[in-house]
Each structure stands twice: as structure tokens, then as C-alpha cells.
Amino acid sequence: MSLPSLSTFLIVQGYLLTLLLVPFVLLQSRKASVSKLAWIMLIVVLPYLGGLLFLVFGINRVERRATLRQASRRQIDQMLSALRVYEALPDEAVDPSIRGLVRLTDRIASTRLCHGNAVEIVSDTNRTLGLIEQAIGAARETIHLEYYIWQPDRTGRRLRDLLIRKAGEGVKIRFLFDGIGSMSTGRKFLRPMLEAGIDVASALPGAGLRERWSINLRNHRKIVIVDGQVGFTGGMNIGDEYVGRNRRIGFWRDTHLRFCGPVVSQLQQVFAEDWFFATGRPLIGGELYPAPLEGGDQVAQVVAGGPDGETEVFHALFFAAINEARQRITLATSYFIPTPALLTALETAAYRGVHVRLMLPALSDHQWMVTAGRGYYQPLLESGVEIYEYHRGLLHAKTLTIDGAWSLVGTPNFDTRSLLLNFEVALVMLGADPARRLDQHFDDDRQQASQIDLATFQNRSKVQRIGEELLKLFSPVL
């Protein structure tokens, strides 16, 4: 075949591939229209490369296992109900100003608000790591860990070796990691854990051949549960960079939670569902959900979301929370790629007179995400939203407070990936105290941040604007 004929053949085959894939993109029911458009543009402009990228990144291959997760959830729900580990907070005990938001959360989550919890909000990552090590060191029965990133470096090895020692003491340990986020955590690193009797599994991609193509779907959760009594979740993974040991990144600013009380059983439920999803082995023994030995007066609820359900849990929750706000909103996130609905919600909240403040990173481990996020600044600034960029180091916190009465801390960022593709988890808290503490963290962070001025922002160079708009076009699939 001559060169011109070969070129013609490849072009024709490329566009035949496009004709086959475009209808398939359109039939992806869970994808937002902007995401579908971005994929179609990529496939049309780069038929072969775009088609390959869609086949690898664009297809949700975990929906087919949703029924298995739901079956596991029903088993655990029935068991928890029988054990009466926690009692749901009655509707009349909730502040009327946030009652609608609470009802929504109850509808879309598999848990309920409960009282009797003690929650510590930690912004110092070294303290967070110390608290986790302390809890693991005191473990007597079980340790469950689930992480998006676990680095095989000094910090990762130290915590691994502590787990190995506890396994030697007879503590039952289960470790779940994301196959993409923890890609560098190889067999050499994991072998001593396996030899010590620790159960290790990859959350995503799973063991099946089809799931090994699911690299666009990530388990972004960070969970530690010790003896069913102490729980941890938040933004911090395990690695040197998260405790400030990476010279290129420097200081790492994150928010994590340590909590006790009946809400720990809800976090255990999330881990159990993920463990079943990854391994097919249920964790439904009553000993895993003991009556709490410690607690406090905090009302809280664990909320989990992912691409395996009918509802985009965190997208719906963030949208409702912003629209329910009447006085103030404070949001901190490490990635800011809002959906059109969330962008409009923030703008209209500011137009309604709500004091909206955003804390976003100036530096990121994925700097193109910062550039793409800036493409959304102008309409927000015009509506009166205050935007700050944190510059001391890397901002990795994921927090939201509404009207000083409702707070959320967890793993989801304010971006398309977290809200529509990842498995995420967070703790919702009611009351003035957690909101006050988080708002104070925001005010402290403002001392290490620069406020974005509308007039100055409008005068940025055309090259910057082109870069922002280009990355913004593909932000739904970043």
C-alpha cells in the first residue's frame, strides 16, 4: 500500500472509530453534559489517541458491582440496627435552619446523624500522624486502614513497621489501598506485611481484567479505625510530603479528624463495604461494631459517595449546602474545578448577600489544576466571592462550613473528579463549635495567603488567559 493510500486508510479508520465512540459517550448516563462534550471534542480532534483515552479513562466499570455493594450495605444496616450501636438524631432535635440539609443527607447517605461523639479537628499533619501512631500502638483487637496514597518512603515504612509489630502481637489488620494512587507501593514494600499476616487488598483497579482498565476511577478515601472505637479521616495520606519532608513542596497544610463515639461504627461500615467490594469477603461480625467506650456531645454523621450509586452524593450535598446558606460560606479545597451547577450556586449565594470565602492553593502537586481553576475566578469575583490563594506551602485541606452551624471535613475536593468519579468520605458535624474552629483555621490561613483582586486579575496576560481557558475546556476529564 502506498504512503498516500495508507494515510487515507488511517484517517478513514480514525473517523469510523469516532462515529462508533461518540454515540457510546452520549449514552454514558452518569456523565455530565460538559464532560460528554469534552470527551467528544477530544475524540474528534484526536481520533486514535482520544478514543484510546476514553476507553481507558472515560468508562465507569464499577457500576456493574453496585448491586454487590448494596447487598453488603443491607447486611450491615440490619446488623447495626439489631446491635443498636447508635440511634439516629430525631428530626425535631435539629436546628430548623439546617433541617432541610439534614433531611437531604439522610436520604442520600446510608447513615444517620447521631449524638454522643467526640471530634478533634487537626490542622498540624505531624500531630495527625502522631495521633494515628498512638492509636495503632494501643490497638488490642483490630486495625483497619484505607488510603489513596501510601508512599514507600521513611514515613510509609515507619507506619508499616508499626503495623507489622502489632500483627505480631495478635492484632487483626486489614489494609486497603488504591492501585493507582499507591502505584509506587510495590510487592517489595508489601511483602513484609503479608508475611506478618496482614490482609492487604487493592481497592481500585480491582482483581478482574475489566477492572484493571478502571484507572480513571479512584478510591480517594483515607480511613483508619482502631478496635472499632477510634476513627480517623480527612485529607492527609501517608508519605514524607504530608509531614513537610519534601523540600520542593515544603510546608503541607491539611485538615484531618480524630473521633470517638457511635459515629466510628459508620466509618467502619464504609470500610466494610469497600473491603467487600475489593475482596468479596464480608465484614459483618458484631465484634467489629462495639458499643463506644468514649464519646462526647458532638452531633455527627459519616457520609460516603462514589461512582457506584444512583446519586452523586457529594455533588448533591455541596450544591444543597451552598443553596441553603443564608449568612456565610467558607470553603477550603486543594483542587477547584466546579461543575456549572456549583459555580452558579456560589455566584448566586454571593449575589444573595451570603459572605462567600474560598481558600485555594497557589502551589499544587498538579499545577495545571491551579491554572484550570483560575479559569473560573472571574464570574465569582464579579459576584462578590472572596478568593484567597494559599502560598506558604501546599494547601490540601477539604473543608466547608455553612452559617456557623453545619460543617464538613473529609476527602472530597471541590472538583469534577472528586464529586463525580472518586470514592470519597467525609464527616458532617452540626453545631457552632466545629464551624467556629474551622472558620478560625481559615482566618489563620489568610495570614499565609493573598486575596485575589478583580481589577488585578482582569489585567493578567493573554498567555495566562489562553492557558486557563485551554485547560478549562478539558477540566471535566482532568
Protein backbone atom coordinates (compact mmCIF):
# COMPACT_ATOMS: atom_id res chain seq x y z
CA MET A 1 0.00 0.00 0.00
CA SER A 2 1.42 3.41 -1.00
CA LEU A 3 2.01 6.10 1.61
CA PRO A 4 -0.91 8.32 0.45
CA SER A 5 -3.23 5.31 0.43
CA LEU A 6 -2.08 4.32 3.93
CA SER A 7 -2.66 7.85 5.20
CA THR A 8 -6.16 7.89 3.71
CA PHE A 9 -6.90 4.48 5.21
CA LEU A 10 -5.78 5.59 8.68
CA ILE A 11 -7.81 8.81 8.50
CA VAL A 12 -10.94 6.94 7.40
CA GLN A 13 -10.48 4.30 10.11
CA GLY A 14 -9.90 7.03 12.71
CA TYR A 15 -13.17 8.74 11.91
CA LEU A 16 -15.03 5.43 11.76
CA LEU A 17 -13.76 4.92 15.31
CA THR A 18 -15.10 8.38 16.14
CA LEU A 19 -18.52 7.54 14.73
CA LEU A 20 -18.62 4.40 16.88
CA LEU A 21 -17.45 6.07 20.11
CA VAL A 22 -19.45 9.33 20.03
CA PRO A 23 -22.84 7.59 20.47
CA PHE A 24 -21.27 5.50 23.25
CA VAL A 25 -20.15 8.70 25.01
CA LEU A 26 -23.65 10.16 24.68
CA LEU A 27 -25.16 7.04 26.26
CA GLN A 28 -22.97 7.34 29.38
CA SER A 29 -25.92 8.28 31.59
CA ARG A 30 -23.93 9.32 34.66
CA LYS A 31 -21.71 11.77 32.85
CA ALA A 32 -22.50 15.48 32.90
CA SER A 33 -23.07 17.15 29.53
CA VAL A 34 -19.88 19.19 29.83
CA SER A 35 -17.91 16.00 30.44
CA LYS A 36 -19.51 14.33 27.42
CA LEU A 37 -18.71 17.37 25.27
CA ALA A 38 -15.08 17.37 26.40
CA TRP A 39 -14.70 13.68 25.52
CA ILE A 40 -16.38 14.13 22.13
CA MET A 41 -14.08 17.07 21.31
CA LEU A 42 -11.04 15.01 22.25
CA ILE A 43 -12.18 12.00 20.17
CA VAL A 44 -12.97 14.15 17.11
CA VAL A 45 -9.75 16.20 17.24
CA LEU A 46 -7.51 13.20 18.04
CA PRO A 47 -9.43 10.13 16.80
CA TYR A 48 -6.97 7.42 17.80
CA LEU A 49 -5.46 8.97 20.93
CA GLY A 50 -8.77 10.46 22.07
CA GLY A 51 -10.56 7.16 21.53
CA LEU A 52 -7.92 5.25 23.47
CA LEU A 53 -8.03 7.77 26.33
CA PHE A 54 -11.82 7.46 26.52
CA LEU A 55 -11.69 3.66 26.60
CA VAL A 56 -9.18 3.80 29.46
CA PHE A 57 -10.42 6.80 31.45
CA GLY A 58 -13.97 7.51 30.36
CA ILE A 59 -15.93 4.35 31.15
CA ASN A 60 -17.34 3.58 34.58
CA ARG A 61 -16.63 -0.12 35.10
CA VAL A 62 -17.66 -0.33 38.76
CA GLU A 63 -21.39 0.26 38.28
CA ARG A 64 -21.84 -3.42 37.49
CA ARG A 65 -20.71 -4.24 41.05
CA ALA A 66 -23.06 -1.74 42.67
CA THR A 67 -25.56 -4.48 43.49
CA LEU A 68 -22.88 -6.34 45.44
CA ARG A 69 -22.07 -3.23 47.48
CA GLN A 70 -25.76 -2.59 48.11
CA ALA A 71 -26.22 -6.17 49.30
CA SER A 72 -23.30 -5.74 51.70
CA ARG A 73 -24.75 -2.42 52.89
CA ARG A 74 -28.12 -4.01 53.64
CA GLN A 75 -26.48 -6.75 55.68
CA ILE A 76 -24.51 -4.23 57.74
CA ASP A 77 -27.52 -1.93 58.17
CA GLN A 78 -29.59 -4.82 59.53
CA MET A 79 -26.81 -5.86 61.88
CA LEU A 80 -26.23 -2.32 63.20
CA SER A 81 -29.94 -1.90 63.71
CA ALA A 82 -30.05 -5.10 65.75
CA LEU A 83 -26.97 -4.12 67.76
CA ARG A 84 -28.32 -0.57 68.33
CA VAL A 85 -24.76 0.81 68.12
CA TYR A 86 -26.18 4.28 67.56
CA GLU A 87 -29.57 5.95 67.48
CA ALA A 88 -30.45 8.46 64.79
CA LEU A 89 -31.00 12.03 65.95
CA PRO A 90 -34.72 12.86 65.79
CA ASP A 91 -35.79 15.49 63.29
CA GLU A 92 -37.13 17.84 65.96
CA ALA A 93 -33.71 17.97 67.64
CA VAL A 94 -32.16 19.60 64.55
CA ASP A 95 -31.94 23.39 64.15
CA PRO A 96 -34.79 24.36 61.78
CA SER A 97 -32.41 26.48 59.69
CA ILE A 98 -30.49 23.39 58.54
CA ARG A 99 -33.24 20.78 58.82
CA GLY A 100 -33.69 20.57 55.05
CA LEU A 101 -29.97 19.94 54.55
CA VAL A 102 -30.02 17.25 57.22
CA ARG A 103 -33.00 15.54 55.58
CA LEU A 104 -31.21 15.55 52.23
CA THR A 105 -28.11 13.99 53.77
CA ASP A 106 -30.18 11.28 55.41
CA ARG A 107 -31.80 10.49 52.06
CA ILE A 108 -28.61 10.21 50.03
CA ALA A 109 -26.32 8.67 52.66
CA SER A 110 -26.52 5.18 54.16
CA THR A 111 -26.05 6.60 57.68
CA ARG A 112 -27.90 8.93 60.07
CA LEU A 113 -26.91 11.80 62.33
CA CYS A 114 -26.10 10.62 65.83
CA HIS A 115 -25.05 12.31 69.05
CA GLY A 116 -22.52 11.30 71.68
CA ASN A 117 -19.33 11.80 69.65
CA ALA A 118 -16.01 13.47 70.43
CA VAL A 119 -14.21 15.02 67.45
CA GLU A 120 -10.76 16.61 67.28
CA ILE A 121 -10.03 18.77 64.23
CA VAL A 122 -6.30 18.71 63.47
CA SER A 123 -4.50 21.07 61.09
CA ASP A 124 -0.95 20.01 62.01
CA THR A 125 -0.03 16.98 59.88
CA ASN A 126 2.73 15.87 62.24
CA ARG A 127 0.23 15.81 65.09
CA THR A 128 -2.18 13.86 62.89
CA LEU A 129 0.47 11.24 62.16
CA GLY A 130 1.37 11.09 65.85
CA LEU A 131 -2.26 10.53 66.86
CA ILE A 132 -2.62 7.75 64.29
CA GLU A 133 0.56 6.06 65.50
CA GLN A 134 -0.61 6.41 69.11
CA ALA A 135 -3.97 4.80 68.33
CA ILE A 136 -2.35 1.95 66.38
CA GLY A 137 0.16 1.38 69.16
CA ALA A 138 -2.70 0.98 71.66
CA ALA A 139 -4.72 -1.42 69.45
CA ARG A 140 -5.84 -4.68 71.03
CA GLU A 141 -8.18 -6.34 68.52
CA THR A 142 -8.38 -4.83 65.02
CA ILE A 143 -6.85 -2.16 62.83
CA HIS A 144 -8.44 -1.19 59.52
CA LEU A 145 -6.66 1.19 57.13
CA GLU A 146 -7.71 2.54 53.74
CA TYR A 147 -5.59 5.03 51.81
CA TYR A 148 -5.44 6.62 48.40
CA ILE A 149 -1.67 7.20 48.64
CA TRP A 150 0.75 5.30 50.85
CA GLN A 151 4.33 6.11 49.92
CA PRO A 152 7.13 3.54 50.42
CA ASP A 153 9.34 6.22 51.98
CA ARG A 154 10.56 6.94 55.50
CA THR A 155 7.10 7.82 56.81
CA GLY A 156 5.37 4.95 55.00
CA ARG A 157 7.95 2.41 56.20
CA ARG A 158 7.72 3.64 59.79
CA LEU A 159 3.95 3.18 59.90
CA ARG A 160 4.18 -0.14 58.02
CA ASP A 161 6.68 -1.48 60.55
CA LEU A 162 4.44 -0.40 63.43
CA LEU A 163 1.59 -2.37 61.84
CA ILE A 164 3.85 -5.40 61.47
CA ARG A 165 4.70 -5.22 65.19
CA LYS A 166 1.02 -5.03 66.10
CA ALA A 167 0.27 -8.01 63.86
CA GLY A 168 2.94 -9.90 65.78
CA GLU A 169 1.01 -9.10 68.97
CA GLY A 170 -2.08 -10.79 67.54
CA VAL A 171 -3.97 -7.73 66.31
CA LYS A 172 -6.02 -8.43 63.17
CA ILE A 173 -5.07 -5.87 60.49
CA ARG A 174 -6.69 -5.18 57.12
CA PHE A 175 -5.07 -2.72 54.70
CA LEU A 176 -6.83 -1.39 51.59
CA PHE A 177 -5.03 0.86 49.11
CA ASP A 178 -5.82 2.45 45.76
CA GLY A 179 -3.96 0.72 42.93
CA ILE A 180 -3.26 3.98 41.08
CA GLY A 181 -2.63 6.44 43.93
CA SER A 182 -0.34 3.91 45.65
CA MET A 183 1.24 2.62 42.47
CA SER A 184 4.75 3.04 43.90
CA THR A 185 3.82 0.81 46.85
CA GLY A 186 5.03 -2.39 45.21
CA ARG A 187 5.43 -6.00 46.20
CA LYS A 188 8.76 -5.43 47.90
CA PHE A 189 7.18 -2.91 50.27
CA LEU A 190 4.06 -5.01 50.90
CA ARG A 191 5.77 -8.40 51.30
CA PRO A 192 6.73 -7.93 55.00
CA MET A 193 3.11 -7.01 55.75
CA LEU A 194 1.83 -10.14 54.01
CA GLU A 195 4.42 -12.30 55.77
CA ALA A 196 3.25 -10.85 59.10
CA GLY A 197 -0.32 -11.97 58.38
CA ILE A 198 -1.76 -8.59 57.47
CA ASP A 199 -4.60 -8.78 54.94
CA VAL A 200 -3.77 -6.49 52.01
CA ALA A 201 -6.03 -5.64 49.06
CA SER A 202 -6.18 -3.14 46.20
CA ALA A 203 -9.40 -1.12 46.13
CA LEU A 204 -9.18 0.03 42.51
CA PRO A 205 -8.28 -1.20 40.00
CA GLY A 206 -9.66 -4.49 41.25
CA ALA A 207 -8.54 -8.01 40.53
CA GLY A 208 -10.75 -8.60 37.50
CA LEU A 209 -9.43 -7.99 33.99
CA ARG A 210 -12.13 -5.41 33.20
CA GLU A 211 -11.43 -3.53 36.43
CA ARG A 212 -7.75 -3.22 35.61
CA TRP A 213 -8.91 -0.78 32.93
CA SER A 214 -10.75 1.32 35.51
CA ILE A 215 -7.80 3.61 36.15
CA ASN A 216 -9.95 6.73 35.93
CA LEU A 217 -11.95 5.63 38.98
CA ARG A 218 -10.07 6.07 42.23
CA ASN A 219 -10.65 5.25 45.87
CA HIS A 220 -9.65 8.61 47.32
CA ARG A 221 -10.64 7.78 50.90
CA LYS A 222 -8.32 8.00 53.90
CA ILE A 223 -9.57 5.87 56.79
CA VAL A 224 -8.08 4.45 59.98
CA ILE A 225 -10.24 2.56 62.51
CA VAL A 226 -8.76 1.02 65.66
CA ASP A 227 -10.71 -1.57 67.68
CA GLY A 228 -13.94 -0.10 66.33
CA GLN A 229 -13.51 2.69 68.88
CA VAL A 230 -11.28 5.36 67.31
CA GLY A 231 -11.62 6.69 63.78
CA PHE A 232 -9.60 8.99 61.54
CA THR A 233 -10.41 10.57 58.20
CA GLY A 234 -9.57 13.75 56.32
CA GLY A 235 -7.23 14.98 53.63
CA MET A 236 -3.89 13.51 54.67
CA ASN A 237 -2.32 10.46 53.02
CA ILE A 238 0.79 8.62 54.25
CA GLY A 239 4.17 9.82 52.97
CA ASP A 240 7.05 12.17 53.66
CA GLU A 241 5.50 15.07 51.75
CA TYR A 242 2.45 15.08 54.03
CA VAL A 243 4.57 15.90 57.08
CA GLY A 244 6.68 18.56 55.35
CA ARG A 245 9.69 16.41 54.41
CA ASN A 246 9.55 17.16 50.68
CA ARG A 247 11.86 20.12 50.04
CA ARG A 248 10.25 21.00 46.73
CA ILE A 249 6.78 21.30 48.26
CA GLY A 250 7.77 22.43 51.74
CA PHE A 251 5.03 23.01 54.33
CA TRP A 252 1.94 20.84 53.92
CA ARG A 253 -1.36 22.32 55.14
CA ASP A 254 -4.08 19.73 55.69
CA THR A 255 -7.11 19.07 57.87
CA HIS A 256 -7.78 15.70 59.47
CA LEU A 257 -10.14 14.36 62.13
CA ARG A 258 -9.79 12.02 65.09
CA PHE A 259 -13.09 10.93 66.60
CA CYS A 260 -14.66 8.56 69.10
CA GLY A 261 -18.25 7.61 69.76
CA PRO A 262 -21.01 5.87 67.82
CA VAL A 263 -20.05 7.60 64.56
CA VAL A 264 -16.97 5.36 64.40
CA SER A 265 -19.28 2.45 63.56
CA GLN A 266 -20.43 4.40 60.49
CA LEU A 267 -16.83 4.77 59.32
CA GLN A 268 -16.38 1.04 59.97
CA GLN A 269 -19.39 0.45 57.74
CA VAL A 270 -17.75 2.38 54.90
CA PHE A 271 -14.56 0.36 55.28
CA ALA A 272 -16.52 -2.91 55.38
CA GLU A 273 -18.34 -2.06 52.16
CA ASP A 274 -15.06 -1.15 50.46
CA TRP A 275 -13.42 -4.33 51.73
CA PHE A 276 -16.28 -6.41 50.38
CA PHE A 277 -16.17 -4.50 47.09
CA ALA A 278 -12.43 -5.20 46.73
CA THR A 279 -12.21 -8.75 48.08
CA GLY A 280 -15.70 -10.24 48.08
CA ARG A 281 -15.26 -11.03 51.80
CA PRO A 282 -17.90 -9.58 54.17
CA LEU A 283 -17.06 -7.93 57.49
CA ILE A 284 -20.28 -8.30 59.42
CA GLY A 285 -19.19 -9.67 62.77
CA GLY A 286 -20.75 -7.85 65.73
CA GLU A 287 -17.32 -7.58 67.36
CA LEU A 288 -16.31 -5.08 64.67
CA TYR A 289 -19.05 -2.69 65.80
CA PRO A 290 -18.65 -2.49 69.60
CA ALA A 291 -20.56 -0.12 71.83
CA PRO A 292 -18.45 3.06 72.18
CA LEU A 293 -16.31 3.37 75.29
CA GLU A 294 -15.64 7.08 74.79
CA GLY A 295 -17.61 9.94 73.34
CA GLY A 296 -18.73 13.49 73.78
CA ASP A 297 -21.52 15.86 72.87
CA GLN A 298 -20.85 16.30 69.15
CA VAL A 299 -23.62 15.50 66.65
CA ALA A 300 -22.04 13.95 63.56
CA GLN A 301 -22.57 11.67 60.58
CA VAL A 302 -20.21 9.85 58.21
CA VAL A 303 -21.12 10.39 54.56
CA ALA A 304 -19.67 8.32 51.71
CA GLY A 305 -20.08 8.70 47.98
CA GLY A 306 -18.77 7.16 44.79
CA PRO A 307 -19.47 6.29 41.16
CA ASP A 308 -21.30 3.07 42.02
CA GLY A 309 -24.60 4.61 43.12
CA GLU A 310 -27.55 6.38 41.57
CA THR A 311 -26.82 9.67 43.35
CA GLU A 312 -23.69 11.81 43.07
CA VAL A 313 -23.63 12.20 46.82
CA PHE A 314 -21.08 14.94 47.38
CA HIS A 315 -22.12 16.95 44.35
CA ALA A 316 -25.70 16.96 45.64
CA LEU A 317 -24.60 17.70 49.20
CA PHE A 318 -22.31 20.63 48.27
CA PHE A 319 -24.96 22.07 45.95
CA ALA A 320 -27.65 21.89 48.64
CA ALA A 321 -25.39 23.26 51.38
CA ILE A 322 -24.40 26.30 49.32
CA ASN A 323 -28.01 27.00 48.37
CA GLU A 324 -29.16 26.63 51.98
CA ALA A 325 -26.62 29.20 53.23
CA ARG A 326 -28.06 32.49 54.46
CA GLN A 327 -25.11 34.18 56.16
CA ARG A 328 -21.69 32.79 55.31
CA ILE A 329 -19.83 30.03 53.46
CA THR A 330 -16.18 29.14 53.98
CA LEU A 331 -14.65 26.59 51.64
CA ALA A 332 -11.10 25.25 51.51
CA THR A 333 -10.06 22.81 48.81
CA SER A 334 -6.86 21.66 47.14
CA TYR A 335 -8.45 21.34 43.68
CA PHE A 336 -11.06 23.78 42.39
CA ILE A 337 -12.82 22.65 39.20
CA PRO A 338 -16.51 23.38 39.94
CA THR A 339 -19.31 21.93 37.86
CA PRO A 340 -21.57 24.53 36.19
CA ALA A 341 -24.21 23.88 38.89
CA LEU A 342 -21.75 24.50 41.74
CA LEU A 343 -20.27 27.56 40.05
CA THR A 344 -23.76 29.05 39.69
CA ALA A 345 -24.60 28.13 43.29
CA LEU A 346 -21.55 30.02 44.60
CA GLU A 347 -22.27 33.05 42.42
CA THR A 348 -25.93 33.26 43.36
CA ALA A 349 -25.13 32.80 47.05
CA ALA A 350 -22.85 35.85 46.86
CA TYR A 351 -25.49 37.81 44.93
CA ARG A 352 -28.00 36.93 47.68
CA GLY A 353 -25.72 38.61 50.19
CA VAL A 354 -24.07 35.50 51.63
CA HIS A 355 -20.44 36.10 52.65
CA VAL A 356 -18.64 33.53 50.47
CA ARG A 357 -14.93 32.89 51.03
CA LEU A 358 -12.72 30.39 49.19
CA MET A 359 -9.23 29.25 50.23
CA LEU A 360 -7.44 27.73 47.22
CA PRO A 361 -3.82 26.73 46.58
CA ALA A 362 -1.25 28.84 44.76
CA LEU A 363 1.03 25.77 44.63
CA SER A 364 -0.11 22.25 43.80
CA ASP A 365 1.34 18.82 43.18
CA HIS A 366 -0.62 19.12 39.90
CA GLN A 367 0.00 22.74 38.97
CA TRP A 368 -2.16 22.56 35.84
CA MET A 369 -5.15 22.15 38.16
CA VAL A 370 -4.40 25.53 39.73
CA THR A 371 -4.26 27.08 36.25
CA ALA A 372 -7.51 25.42 35.21
CA GLY A 373 -9.17 26.53 38.45
CA ARG A 374 -8.26 30.16 37.81
CA GLY A 375 -10.37 29.99 34.68
CA TYR A 376 -13.41 30.05 37.00
CA TYR A 377 -12.36 33.04 39.11
CA GLN A 378 -13.76 35.99 37.17
CA PRO A 379 -17.53 35.35 37.48
CA LEU A 380 -17.04 34.51 41.15
CA LEU A 381 -15.08 37.70 41.83
CA GLU A 382 -17.68 39.74 39.95
CA SER A 383 -20.43 38.31 42.14
CA GLY A 384 -18.57 39.27 45.33
CA VAL A 385 -16.95 35.96 46.28
CA GLU A 386 -13.66 36.42 48.18
CA ILE A 387 -10.90 34.19 46.79
CA TYR A 388 -7.60 33.63 48.60
CA GLU A 389 -4.60 31.69 47.30
CA TYR A 390 -2.50 29.97 49.96
CA HIS A 391 1.23 30.40 49.36
CA ARG A 392 3.07 29.20 52.47
CA GLY A 393 3.25 25.67 51.07
CA LEU A 394 0.72 23.25 49.65
CA LEU A 395 -2.91 23.59 50.74
CA HIS A 396 -4.53 20.15 50.81
CA ALA A 397 -7.46 20.65 53.23
CA LYS A 398 -11.04 19.87 52.20
CA THR A 399 -13.47 21.72 54.48
CA LEU A 400 -16.80 23.51 54.22
CA THR A 401 -18.82 25.45 56.80
CA ILE A 402 -22.31 26.89 56.38
CA ASP A 403 -23.71 29.69 58.57
CA GLY A 404 -21.54 28.68 61.52
CA ALA A 405 -23.88 25.73 62.15
CA TRP A 406 -23.00 22.96 59.65
CA SER A 407 -19.53 21.68 58.84
CA LEU A 408 -17.91 19.07 56.62
CA VAL A 409 -14.36 17.73 56.72
CA GLY A 410 -13.16 14.84 54.62
CA THR A 411 -11.52 13.65 51.42
CA PRO A 412 -13.59 15.23 48.58
CA ASN A 413 -12.17 18.20 46.73
CA PHE A 414 -14.35 20.78 45.01
CA ASP A 415 -13.62 19.34 41.58
CA THR A 416 -15.26 17.15 38.97
CA ARG A 417 -13.11 14.11 39.76
CA SER A 418 -13.93 14.05 43.47
CA LEU A 419 -17.60 14.82 43.01
CA LEU A 420 -18.39 12.54 40.07
CA LEU A 421 -15.69 9.85 39.77
CA ASN A 422 -13.91 9.11 43.05
CA PHE A 423 -14.91 7.13 46.09
CA GLU A 424 -14.85 9.74 48.88
CA VAL A 425 -15.79 10.01 52.56
CA ALA A 426 -16.42 12.89 54.96
CA LEU A 427 -17.72 13.68 58.42
CA VAL A 428 -20.63 16.12 58.71
CA MET A 429 -20.90 17.95 62.05
CA LEU A 430 -23.68 20.11 63.44
CA GLY A 431 -23.27 22.96 65.90
CA ALA A 432 -21.30 26.14 66.37
CA ASP A 433 -18.11 24.68 67.84
CA PRO A 434 -16.70 22.74 64.84
CA ALA A 435 -17.73 25.54 62.47
CA ARG A 436 -16.01 28.09 64.70
CA ARG A 437 -12.80 26.04 64.80
CA LEU A 438 -12.78 25.57 61.01
CA ASP A 439 -13.52 29.24 60.39
CA GLN A 440 -10.63 30.10 62.71
CA HIS A 441 -8.34 27.81 60.68
CA PHE A 442 -9.50 29.69 57.58
CA ASP A 443 -8.66 33.04 59.21
CA ASP A 444 -5.24 31.72 60.25
CA ASP A 445 -4.61 30.56 56.68
CA ARG A 446 -5.47 34.04 55.38
CA GLN A 447 -2.28 35.26 57.06
CA GLN A 448 -0.36 32.97 54.66
CA ALA A 449 -2.47 33.76 51.60
CA SER A 450 -3.05 36.53 49.06
CA GLN A 451 -6.53 37.76 48.22
CA ILE A 452 -7.29 37.85 44.50
CA ASP A 453 -8.28 41.34 43.39
CA LEU A 454 -10.73 41.55 40.48
CA ALA A 455 -9.07 44.52 38.76
CA THR A 456 -5.61 42.96 39.01
CA PHE A 457 -6.89 39.58 37.89
CA GLN A 458 -8.51 41.10 34.80
CA ASN A 459 -5.14 42.57 33.77
CA ARG A 460 -3.33 39.22 33.63
CA SER A 461 -1.61 38.41 30.34
CA LYS A 462 -3.31 36.90 27.31
CA VAL A 463 -0.97 33.92 27.55
CA GLN A 464 -2.28 33.22 31.07
CA ARG A 465 -5.87 33.54 29.90
CA ILE A 466 -5.31 31.19 26.96
CA GLY A 467 -3.70 28.63 29.25
CA GLU A 468 -6.60 28.86 31.71
CA GLU A 469 -9.25 28.56 29.02
CA LEU A 470 -7.47 25.68 27.29
CA LEU A 471 -7.18 23.65 30.46
CA LYS A 472 -10.68 24.69 31.48
CA LEU A 473 -12.05 23.10 28.27
CA PHE A 474 -10.76 19.73 29.39
CA SER A 475 -11.21 20.25 33.13
CA PRO A 476 -14.22 17.86 33.32
CA VAL A 477 -11.92 14.98 32.36
CA LEU A 478 -8.71 16.05 34.16
